[in-house]
Amino acid sequence: MTMRTWAGRLARDIERKIEGRPDLQHACAPRLERVKQLLAQKPDDKNKIYALHAPEVECIAKGKARTRYEFGVKTSIAVTNARADGGQFVVGIRAVPGLPYDGHTLKDQIAQVERLTGMAVTRAYVDKGYRGHGLASPDVHVSQSAAKTNADHQTRVEKAQRHRTDHRSRQKRRPS
């Protein structure tokens, strides 16, 4: 049996058991409605439900060969430019539902940082996703090669971790 079949059976069973009990029907209505929406959705539908426990979860297309999709809510995080002893300091964070283009979120993120810190943002460093943001102020620097360098470093780290994991698993398999 598939998960879809189990979910449908469970929803119908709950509906039968709470029939005639308005207090339970009222308490279960939002969850049962979400399950019915999940069961009725088609592969090409928009606004799909990806997680019953977190209906705000969206499918974010990454456009990368290794990780094509992520599931969650897009966020915008602002940190200080200068590094402190413990690393960079987070000065603003926002959830941006609805999968907006990165460049369209920059203005609101800068406004949040200025509101929270009470200081004007003079410079912003962003990745290539923010090209075409259209802001005249502050001075916005779009990275050119840092993303590639970071990706290369991340790949090297992942390969090293995989190598260590493979080595450890081979050691466990050796007969004593």
N, C-alpha and C. Protein backbone atom coordinates (compact mmCIF):
# COMPACT_ATOMS: atom_id res chain seq x y z
N MET A 1 0.84 -1.19 0.00
CA MET A 1 0.00 0.00 0.00
C MET A 1 0.87 1.24 0.00
N THR A 2 0.40 2.26 -0.66
CA THR A 2 1.16 3.50 -0.72
C THR A 2 0.82 4.40 0.46
N MET A 3 1.65 5.39 0.67
CA MET A 3 1.42 6.36 1.73
C MET A 3 0.11 7.11 1.49
N ARG A 4 -0.19 7.37 0.22
CA ARG A 4 -1.43 8.07 -0.13
C ARG A 4 -2.65 7.25 0.30
N THR A 5 -2.60 5.94 0.08
CA THR A 5 -3.70 5.06 0.47
C THR A 5 -3.87 5.06 1.99
N TRP A 6 -2.75 4.95 2.70
CA TRP A 6 -2.81 4.97 4.16
C TRP A 6 -3.40 6.29 4.68
N ALA A 7 -2.97 7.40 4.10
CA ALA A 7 -3.47 8.71 4.53
C ALA A 7 -4.97 8.82 4.27
N GLY A 8 -5.42 8.36 3.12
CA GLY A 8 -6.85 8.41 2.80
C GLY A 8 -7.67 7.56 3.74
N ARG A 9 -7.21 6.36 4.02
CA ARG A 9 -7.92 5.46 4.96
C ARG A 9 -7.99 6.08 6.35
N LEU A 10 -6.86 6.62 6.80
CA LEU A 10 -6.81 7.23 8.13
C LEU A 10 -7.76 8.42 8.23
N ALA A 11 -7.78 9.27 7.21
CA ALA A 11 -8.67 10.44 7.22
C ALA A 11 -10.14 10.01 7.26
N ARG A 12 -10.50 9.01 6.45
CA ARG A 12 -11.89 8.54 6.45
C ARG A 12 -12.26 7.91 7.80
N ASP A 13 -11.32 7.17 8.40
CA ASP A 13 -11.56 6.55 9.70
C ASP A 13 -11.78 7.61 10.77
N ILE A 14 -10.97 8.65 10.76
CA ILE A 14 -11.13 9.75 11.73
C ILE A 14 -12.48 10.43 11.52
N GLU A 15 -12.84 10.69 10.27
CA GLU A 15 -14.14 11.33 10.00
C GLU A 15 -15.30 10.49 10.53
N ARG A 16 -15.22 9.16 10.36
CA ARG A 16 -16.29 8.28 10.89
C ARG A 16 -16.36 8.35 12.41
N LYS A 17 -15.22 8.38 13.06
CA LYS A 17 -15.18 8.33 14.52
C LYS A 17 -15.60 9.65 15.17
N ILE A 18 -15.44 10.77 14.48
CA ILE A 18 -15.82 12.05 15.08
C ILE A 18 -17.20 12.52 14.62
N GLU A 19 -17.85 11.74 13.77
CA GLU A 19 -19.17 12.10 13.28
C GLU A 19 -20.15 12.24 14.46
N GLY A 20 -20.90 13.32 14.46
CA GLY A 20 -21.86 13.57 15.53
C GLY A 20 -21.24 14.20 16.77
N ARG A 21 -19.97 14.56 16.73
CA ARG A 21 -19.30 15.20 17.87
C ARG A 21 -18.72 16.53 17.39
N PRO A 22 -19.55 17.59 17.47
CA PRO A 22 -19.15 18.89 16.91
C PRO A 22 -17.84 19.44 17.47
N ASP A 23 -17.56 19.19 18.74
CA ASP A 23 -16.32 19.70 19.32
C ASP A 23 -15.10 19.07 18.66
N LEU A 24 -15.14 17.77 18.43
CA LEU A 24 -14.03 17.09 17.77
C LEU A 24 -13.97 17.43 16.28
N GLN A 25 -15.14 17.57 15.66
CA GLN A 25 -15.15 17.95 14.24
C GLN A 25 -14.50 19.31 14.04
N HIS A 26 -14.83 20.24 14.94
CA HIS A 26 -14.26 21.58 14.86
C HIS A 26 -12.74 21.55 15.08
N ALA A 27 -12.29 20.73 16.04
CA ALA A 27 -10.86 20.65 16.35
C ALA A 27 -10.07 19.99 15.21
N CYS A 28 -10.66 19.01 14.55
CA CYS A 28 -9.96 18.25 13.51
C CYS A 28 -10.12 18.84 12.10
N ALA A 29 -11.04 19.77 11.93
CA ALA A 29 -11.37 20.28 10.59
C ALA A 29 -10.15 20.83 9.82
N PRO A 30 -9.32 21.68 10.42
CA PRO A 30 -8.19 22.22 9.63
C PRO A 30 -7.22 21.13 9.16
N ARG A 31 -6.94 20.17 10.03
CA ARG A 31 -5.99 19.12 9.66
C ARG A 31 -6.58 18.18 8.61
N LEU A 32 -7.84 17.82 8.78
CA LEU A 32 -8.48 16.95 7.79
C LEU A 32 -8.60 17.64 6.43
N GLU A 33 -8.84 18.94 6.44
CA GLU A 33 -8.93 19.70 5.20
C GLU A 33 -7.57 19.69 4.48
N ARG A 34 -6.50 19.83 5.25
CA ARG A 34 -5.16 19.81 4.67
C ARG A 34 -4.85 18.43 4.08
N VAL A 35 -5.25 17.36 4.77
CA VAL A 35 -5.03 16.01 4.26
C VAL A 35 -5.83 15.80 2.97
N LYS A 36 -7.06 16.27 2.93
CA LYS A 36 -7.88 16.14 1.71
C LYS A 36 -7.25 16.90 0.55
N GLN A 37 -6.71 18.08 0.84
CA GLN A 37 -6.04 18.86 -0.20
C GLN A 37 -4.80 18.11 -0.71
N LEU A 38 -4.05 17.49 0.21
CA LEU A 38 -2.89 16.70 -0.17
C LEU A 38 -3.28 15.52 -1.06
N LEU A 39 -4.36 14.83 -0.68
CA LEU A 39 -4.79 13.67 -1.45
C LEU A 39 -5.33 14.04 -2.83
N ALA A 40 -5.87 15.24 -2.97
CA ALA A 40 -6.47 15.67 -4.23
C ALA A 40 -5.46 16.30 -5.19
N GLN A 41 -4.26 16.65 -4.71
CA GLN A 41 -3.33 17.37 -5.58
C GLN A 41 -2.74 16.46 -6.66
N LYS A 42 -2.44 17.06 -7.79
CA LYS A 42 -1.88 16.38 -8.95
C LYS A 42 -0.42 16.82 -9.11
N PRO A 43 0.40 16.04 -9.84
CA PRO A 43 1.82 16.40 -10.00
C PRO A 43 2.07 17.78 -10.60
N ASP A 44 1.20 18.25 -11.48
CA ASP A 44 1.43 19.55 -12.12
C ASP A 44 0.66 20.70 -11.46
N ASP A 45 0.05 20.47 -10.30
CA ASP A 45 -0.67 21.53 -9.58
C ASP A 45 0.30 22.56 -9.01
N LYS A 46 -0.18 23.79 -8.89
CA LYS A 46 0.58 24.83 -8.20
C LYS A 46 0.17 24.80 -6.72
N ASN A 47 0.97 25.40 -5.86
CA ASN A 47 0.68 25.49 -4.42
C ASN A 47 0.44 24.12 -3.79
N LYS A 48 1.34 23.19 -4.06
CA LYS A 48 1.24 21.86 -3.48
C LYS A 48 1.59 21.89 -2.00
N ILE A 49 1.12 20.89 -1.30
CA ILE A 49 1.51 20.68 0.10
C ILE A 49 2.64 19.66 0.08
N TYR A 50 3.79 20.03 0.63
CA TYR A 50 4.93 19.14 0.68
C TYR A 50 5.12 18.53 2.07
N ALA A 51 4.54 19.15 3.10
CA ALA A 51 4.68 18.64 4.46
C ALA A 51 3.40 18.97 5.23
N LEU A 52 2.74 17.94 5.74
CA LEU A 52 1.51 18.16 6.50
C LEU A 52 1.77 18.96 7.77
N HIS A 53 2.90 18.72 8.41
CA HIS A 53 3.21 19.39 9.67
C HIS A 53 3.65 20.84 9.47
N ALA A 54 4.04 21.19 8.24
CA ALA A 54 4.51 22.55 7.95
C ALA A 54 4.01 22.96 6.56
N PRO A 55 2.79 23.45 6.47
CA PRO A 55 2.22 23.78 5.16
C PRO A 55 2.91 24.93 4.44
N GLU A 56 3.76 25.68 5.12
CA GLU A 56 4.46 26.79 4.47
C GLU A 56 5.64 26.33 3.62
N VAL A 57 6.01 25.06 3.68
CA VAL A 57 7.14 24.52 2.93
C VAL A 57 6.86 24.60 1.43
N GLU A 58 7.88 25.06 0.69
CA GLU A 58 7.78 25.19 -0.76
C GLU A 58 8.92 24.42 -1.40
N CYS A 59 8.77 24.12 -2.67
CA CYS A 59 9.83 23.49 -3.44
C CYS A 59 10.66 24.60 -4.07
N ILE A 60 11.94 24.65 -3.73
CA ILE A 60 12.84 25.69 -4.25
C ILE A 60 13.77 25.04 -5.25
N ALA A 61 13.65 25.42 -6.52
CA ALA A 61 14.53 24.88 -7.56
C ALA A 61 15.89 25.54 -7.44
N LYS A 62 16.94 24.73 -7.31
CA LYS A 62 18.29 25.26 -7.12
C LYS A 62 19.04 25.41 -8.43
N GLY A 63 18.69 24.63 -9.45
CA GLY A 63 19.38 24.72 -10.72
C GLY A 63 20.79 24.16 -10.68
N LYS A 64 21.06 23.28 -9.74
CA LYS A 64 22.38 22.67 -9.63
C LYS A 64 22.26 21.18 -9.92
N ALA A 65 23.30 20.59 -10.47
CA ALA A 65 23.24 19.19 -10.85
C ALA A 65 23.10 18.26 -9.64
N ARG A 66 23.82 18.56 -8.59
CA ARG A 66 23.81 17.66 -7.45
C ARG A 66 22.56 17.79 -6.59
N THR A 67 22.17 19.01 -6.29
CA THR A 67 20.98 19.27 -5.49
C THR A 67 20.04 20.11 -6.33
N ARG A 68 19.11 19.47 -7.00
CA ARG A 68 18.24 20.20 -7.91
C ARG A 68 17.14 20.95 -7.17
N TYR A 69 16.67 20.40 -6.05
CA TYR A 69 15.57 21.02 -5.32
C TYR A 69 15.87 21.01 -3.83
N GLU A 70 15.31 22.01 -3.15
CA GLU A 70 15.31 22.05 -1.69
C GLU A 70 13.88 22.29 -1.28
N PHE A 71 13.55 21.88 -0.09
CA PHE A 71 12.21 22.10 0.42
C PHE A 71 12.32 22.92 1.69
N GLY A 72 11.56 24.00 1.74
CA GLY A 72 11.60 24.90 2.87
C GLY A 72 11.02 26.24 2.47
N VAL A 73 11.44 27.28 3.15
CA VAL A 73 11.02 28.64 2.84
C VAL A 73 12.28 29.45 2.62
N LYS A 74 12.30 30.21 1.55
CA LYS A 74 13.46 31.04 1.23
C LYS A 74 13.65 32.07 2.35
N THR A 75 14.91 32.30 2.73
CA THR A 75 15.22 33.28 3.77
C THR A 75 16.23 34.27 3.25
N SER A 76 16.25 35.42 3.85
CA SER A 76 17.22 36.45 3.54
C SER A 76 17.93 36.79 4.84
N ILE A 77 19.25 36.64 4.86
CA ILE A 77 20.02 36.85 6.08
C ILE A 77 21.06 37.95 5.84
N ALA A 78 21.11 38.92 6.73
CA ALA A 78 22.08 40.01 6.63
C ALA A 78 23.07 39.88 7.78
N VAL A 79 24.36 39.96 7.45
CA VAL A 79 25.40 39.88 8.46
C VAL A 79 26.31 41.10 8.32
N THR A 80 27.10 41.34 9.35
CA THR A 80 28.04 42.46 9.29
C THR A 80 29.14 42.16 8.28
N ASN A 81 29.71 43.20 7.74
CA ASN A 81 30.79 43.03 6.78
C ASN A 81 32.09 42.64 7.47
N ALA A 82 32.38 43.26 8.59
CA ALA A 82 33.61 42.98 9.32
C ALA A 82 33.44 41.75 10.19
N ARG A 83 34.48 40.94 10.24
CA ARG A 83 34.44 39.75 11.08
C ARG A 83 34.81 40.13 12.51
N ALA A 84 34.10 39.54 13.45
CA ALA A 84 34.40 39.71 14.86
C ALA A 84 35.17 38.47 15.32
N ASP A 85 35.53 38.40 16.59
CA ASP A 85 36.27 37.25 17.11
C ASP A 85 35.51 35.95 16.90
N GLY A 86 34.21 35.96 17.07
CA GLY A 86 33.41 34.74 16.93
C GLY A 86 32.87 34.52 15.54
N GLY A 87 33.17 35.37 14.60
CA GLY A 87 32.63 35.25 13.25
C GLY A 87 31.86 36.50 12.89
N GLN A 88 30.95 36.38 11.94
CA GLN A 88 30.14 37.53 11.56
C GLN A 88 28.90 37.61 12.44
N PHE A 89 28.37 38.81 12.59
CA PHE A 89 27.23 39.06 13.46
C PHE A 89 25.97 39.21 12.59
N VAL A 90 24.92 38.45 12.88
CA VAL A 90 23.67 38.54 12.13
C VAL A 90 22.92 39.79 12.58
N VAL A 91 22.60 40.66 11.62
CA VAL A 91 21.90 41.90 11.95
C VAL A 91 20.47 41.93 11.40
N GLY A 92 20.09 40.92 10.66
CA GLY A 92 18.72 40.86 10.14
C GLY A 92 18.46 39.53 9.47
N ILE A 93 17.24 39.04 9.64
CA ILE A 93 16.84 37.79 9.00
C ILE A 93 15.35 37.85 8.70
N ARG A 94 14.99 37.42 7.50
CA ARG A 94 13.59 37.46 7.09
C ARG A 94 13.24 36.18 6.34
N ALA A 95 12.04 35.69 6.55
CA ALA A 95 11.49 34.61 5.73
C ALA A 95 10.78 35.29 4.57
N VAL A 96 11.02 34.81 3.36
CA VAL A 96 10.40 35.40 2.18
C VAL A 96 9.63 34.31 1.42
N PRO A 97 8.40 34.05 1.81
CA PRO A 97 7.61 33.01 1.15
C PRO A 97 7.18 33.44 -0.25
N GLY A 98 6.84 32.47 -1.06
CA GLY A 98 6.35 32.76 -2.40
C GLY A 98 7.42 32.71 -3.46
N LEU A 99 8.65 32.31 -3.12
CA LEU A 99 9.76 32.17 -4.06
C LEU A 99 10.03 33.41 -4.91
N PRO A 100 10.21 34.57 -4.28
CA PRO A 100 10.50 35.77 -5.06
C PRO A 100 11.92 35.73 -5.63
N TYR A 101 12.16 36.51 -6.67
CA TYR A 101 13.49 36.69 -7.23
C TYR A 101 14.35 37.36 -6.16
N ASP A 102 15.57 36.88 -5.98
CA ASP A 102 16.45 37.41 -4.92
C ASP A 102 16.59 38.92 -4.96
N GLY A 103 16.76 39.49 -6.16
CA GLY A 103 16.95 40.93 -6.28
C GLY A 103 15.78 41.74 -5.75
N HIS A 104 14.59 41.15 -5.76
CA HIS A 104 13.41 41.87 -5.26
C HIS A 104 13.32 41.86 -3.74
N THR A 105 14.11 41.04 -3.07
CA THR A 105 14.08 40.98 -1.60
C THR A 105 15.11 41.90 -0.97
N LEU A 106 16.04 42.40 -1.75
CA LEU A 106 17.16 43.19 -1.20
C LEU A 106 16.69 44.49 -0.54
N LYS A 107 15.79 45.20 -1.18
CA LYS A 107 15.32 46.48 -0.65
C LYS A 107 14.69 46.30 0.74
N ASP A 108 13.85 45.28 0.90
CA ASP A 108 13.21 45.03 2.19
C ASP A 108 14.21 44.59 3.24
N GLN A 109 15.20 43.79 2.84
CA GLN A 109 16.22 43.33 3.79
C GLN A 109 17.05 44.51 4.29
N ILE A 110 17.42 45.41 3.40
CA ILE A 110 18.19 46.59 3.80
C ILE A 110 17.36 47.48 4.72
N ALA A 111 16.08 47.63 4.41
CA ALA A 111 15.19 48.43 5.26
C ALA A 111 15.09 47.83 6.66
N GLN A 112 15.02 46.49 6.74
CA GLN A 112 14.95 45.84 8.05
C GLN A 112 16.23 46.08 8.85
N VAL A 113 17.38 45.94 8.21
CA VAL A 113 18.65 46.15 8.90
C VAL A 113 18.75 47.58 9.41
N GLU A 114 18.37 48.55 8.59
CA GLU A 114 18.43 49.95 9.01
C GLU A 114 17.47 50.22 10.17
N ARG A 115 16.31 49.59 10.13
CA ARG A 115 15.34 49.77 11.21
C ARG A 115 15.84 49.15 12.51
N LEU A 116 16.43 47.95 12.43
CA LEU A 116 16.89 47.25 13.63
C LEU A 116 18.16 47.86 14.23
N THR A 117 19.06 48.32 13.37
CA THR A 117 20.34 48.83 13.88
C THR A 117 20.33 50.34 14.09
N GLY A 118 19.42 51.04 13.43
CA GLY A 118 19.40 52.49 13.53
C GLY A 118 20.50 53.16 12.73
N MET A 119 21.15 52.40 11.87
CA MET A 119 22.25 52.92 11.05
C MET A 119 21.94 52.68 9.58
N ALA A 120 22.42 53.60 8.75
CA ALA A 120 22.23 53.44 7.30
C ALA A 120 23.20 52.41 6.75
N VAL A 121 22.72 51.57 5.86
CA VAL A 121 23.57 50.60 5.18
C VAL A 121 24.28 51.33 4.04
N THR A 122 25.61 51.28 4.04
CA THR A 122 26.36 51.97 3.00
C THR A 122 26.85 51.03 1.91
N ARG A 123 27.07 49.75 2.26
CA ARG A 123 27.56 48.76 1.31
C ARG A 123 26.85 47.44 1.55
N ALA A 124 26.60 46.71 0.46
CA ALA A 124 26.03 45.37 0.57
C ALA A 124 26.76 44.46 -0.39
N TYR A 125 27.12 43.28 0.08
CA TYR A 125 27.77 42.26 -0.76
C TYR A 125 26.78 41.12 -0.93
N VAL A 126 26.47 40.80 -2.17
CA VAL A 126 25.45 39.80 -2.47
C VAL A 126 25.98 38.81 -3.50
N ASP A 127 25.27 37.67 -3.64
CA ASP A 127 25.68 36.70 -4.65
C ASP A 127 25.02 37.02 -5.99
N LYS A 128 25.29 36.20 -6.99
CA LYS A 128 24.83 36.48 -8.35
C LYS A 128 23.31 36.46 -8.49
N GLY A 129 22.62 35.85 -7.55
CA GLY A 129 21.16 35.81 -7.60
C GLY A 129 20.52 37.19 -7.48
N TYR A 130 21.30 38.17 -7.02
CA TYR A 130 20.79 39.52 -6.82
C TYR A 130 21.06 40.46 -7.99
N ARG A 131 21.59 39.93 -9.10
CA ARG A 131 21.83 40.79 -10.27
C ARG A 131 20.51 41.41 -10.71
N GLY A 132 20.56 42.66 -11.10
CA GLY A 132 19.36 43.36 -11.57
C GLY A 132 18.46 43.79 -10.45
N HIS A 133 19.02 44.05 -9.28
CA HIS A 133 18.24 44.45 -8.11
C HIS A 133 17.63 45.84 -8.28
N GLY A 134 18.27 46.72 -9.04
CA GLY A 134 17.72 48.04 -9.34
C GLY A 134 17.85 49.08 -8.25
N LEU A 135 18.68 48.85 -7.24
CA LEU A 135 18.85 49.83 -6.17
C LEU A 135 19.99 50.79 -6.49
N ALA A 136 19.74 52.09 -6.30
CA ALA A 136 20.78 53.09 -6.52
C ALA A 136 21.65 53.24 -5.27
N SER A 137 21.04 53.07 -4.11
CA SER A 137 21.76 53.20 -2.85
C SER A 137 21.29 52.05 -1.96
N PRO A 138 22.10 51.40 -1.21
CA PRO A 138 23.52 51.57 -0.98
C PRO A 138 24.34 50.99 -2.14
N ASP A 139 25.66 51.07 -1.98
CA ASP A 139 26.58 50.52 -2.96
C ASP A 139 26.51 48.99 -2.87
N VAL A 140 25.99 48.35 -3.91
CA VAL A 140 25.80 46.89 -3.91
C VAL A 140 26.85 46.23 -4.77
N HIS A 141 27.60 45.28 -4.18
CA HIS A 141 28.64 44.54 -4.88
C HIS A 141 28.15 43.12 -5.11
N VAL A 142 28.06 42.73 -6.38
CA VAL A 142 27.64 41.37 -6.72
C VAL A 142 28.89 40.53 -6.91
N SER A 143 28.96 39.42 -6.18
CA SER A 143 30.16 38.57 -6.26
C SER A 143 30.30 37.97 -7.66
N GLN A 144 31.55 37.80 -8.08
CA GLN A 144 31.81 37.22 -9.40
C GLN A 144 32.33 35.80 -9.29
N SER A 145 33.37 35.60 -8.49
CA SER A 145 33.97 34.27 -8.45
C SER A 145 33.93 33.64 -7.08
N ALA A 146 33.47 34.36 -6.06
CA ALA A 146 33.47 33.80 -4.71
C ALA A 146 32.58 32.57 -4.63
N ALA A 147 31.47 32.58 -5.34
CA ALA A 147 30.55 31.44 -5.30
C ALA A 147 31.24 30.21 -5.88
N LYS A 148 31.99 30.38 -6.98
CA LYS A 148 32.69 29.26 -7.59
C LYS A 148 33.78 28.75 -6.65
N THR A 149 34.53 29.66 -6.05
CA THR A 149 35.59 29.27 -5.12
C THR A 149 34.98 28.53 -3.93
N ASN A 150 33.89 29.04 -3.39
CA ASN A 150 33.22 28.40 -2.27
C ASN A 150 32.70 27.03 -2.68
N ALA A 151 32.14 26.91 -3.87
CA ALA A 151 31.62 25.63 -4.34
C ALA A 151 32.76 24.62 -4.50
N ASP A 152 33.91 25.08 -5.03
CA ASP A 152 35.07 24.20 -5.18
C ASP A 152 35.55 23.72 -3.82
N HIS A 153 35.62 24.64 -2.85
CA HIS A 153 36.04 24.28 -1.49
C HIS A 153 35.06 23.29 -0.88
N GLN A 154 33.77 23.55 -1.07
CA GLN A 154 32.74 22.68 -0.51
C GLN A 154 32.85 21.29 -1.12
N THR A 155 33.11 21.21 -2.43
CA THR A 155 33.26 19.93 -3.09
C THR A 155 34.46 19.17 -2.53
N ARG A 156 35.58 19.88 -2.33
CA ARG A 156 36.76 19.23 -1.77
C ARG A 156 36.47 18.71 -0.36
N VAL A 157 35.77 19.51 0.45
CA VAL A 157 35.44 19.09 1.81
C VAL A 157 34.52 17.88 1.78
N GLU A 158 33.51 17.90 0.89
CA GLU A 158 32.59 16.77 0.80
C GLU A 158 33.32 15.51 0.36
N LYS A 159 34.26 15.63 -0.60
CA LYS A 159 35.02 14.46 -1.05
C LYS A 159 35.85 13.90 0.10
N ALA A 160 36.47 14.79 0.87
CA ALA A 160 37.28 14.35 2.00
C ALA A 160 36.41 13.65 3.04
N GLN A 161 35.22 14.20 3.30
CA GLN A 161 34.33 13.58 4.27
C GLN A 161 33.87 12.21 3.77
N ARG A 162 33.53 12.12 2.48
CA ARG A 162 33.11 10.84 1.91
C ARG A 162 34.24 9.83 2.00
N HIS A 163 35.47 10.28 1.72
CA HIS A 163 36.62 9.39 1.78
C HIS A 163 36.78 8.85 3.20
N ARG A 164 36.69 9.74 4.19
CA ARG A 164 36.80 9.31 5.58
C ARG A 164 35.69 8.34 5.93
N THR A 165 34.48 8.61 5.49
CA THR A 165 33.34 7.74 5.78
C THR A 165 33.55 6.37 5.13
N ASP A 166 34.00 6.35 3.86
CA ASP A 166 34.25 5.08 3.18
C ASP A 166 35.33 4.28 3.91
N HIS A 167 36.38 4.97 4.33
CA HIS A 167 37.49 4.32 5.02
C HIS A 167 36.99 3.68 6.31
N ARG A 168 36.20 4.41 7.06
CA ARG A 168 35.67 3.89 8.33
C ARG A 168 34.75 2.71 8.10
N SER A 169 33.90 2.79 7.07
CA SER A 169 32.97 1.69 6.83
C SER A 169 33.71 0.43 6.40
N ARG A 170 34.84 0.60 5.65
CA ARG A 170 35.63 -0.56 5.25
C ARG A 170 36.29 -1.21 6.48
N GLN A 171 36.71 -0.38 7.43
CA GLN A 171 37.33 -0.92 8.64
C GLN A 171 36.33 -1.76 9.42
N LYS A 172 35.10 -1.34 9.46
CA LYS A 172 34.07 -2.07 10.21
C LYS A 172 33.76 -3.42 9.55
N ARG A 173 33.92 -3.50 8.22
CA ARG A 173 33.58 -4.71 7.50
C ARG A 173 34.67 -5.78 7.58
N ARG A 174 35.88 -5.38 7.94
CA ARG A 174 36.96 -6.35 8.00
C ARG A 174 36.69 -7.40 9.06
N PRO A 175 36.88 -8.67 8.69
CA PRO A 175 36.67 -9.73 9.71
C PRO A 175 37.79 -9.70 10.75
N SER A 176 37.44 -10.01 11.99
CA SER A 176 38.44 -9.99 13.05
C SER A 176 39.08 -11.34 13.21
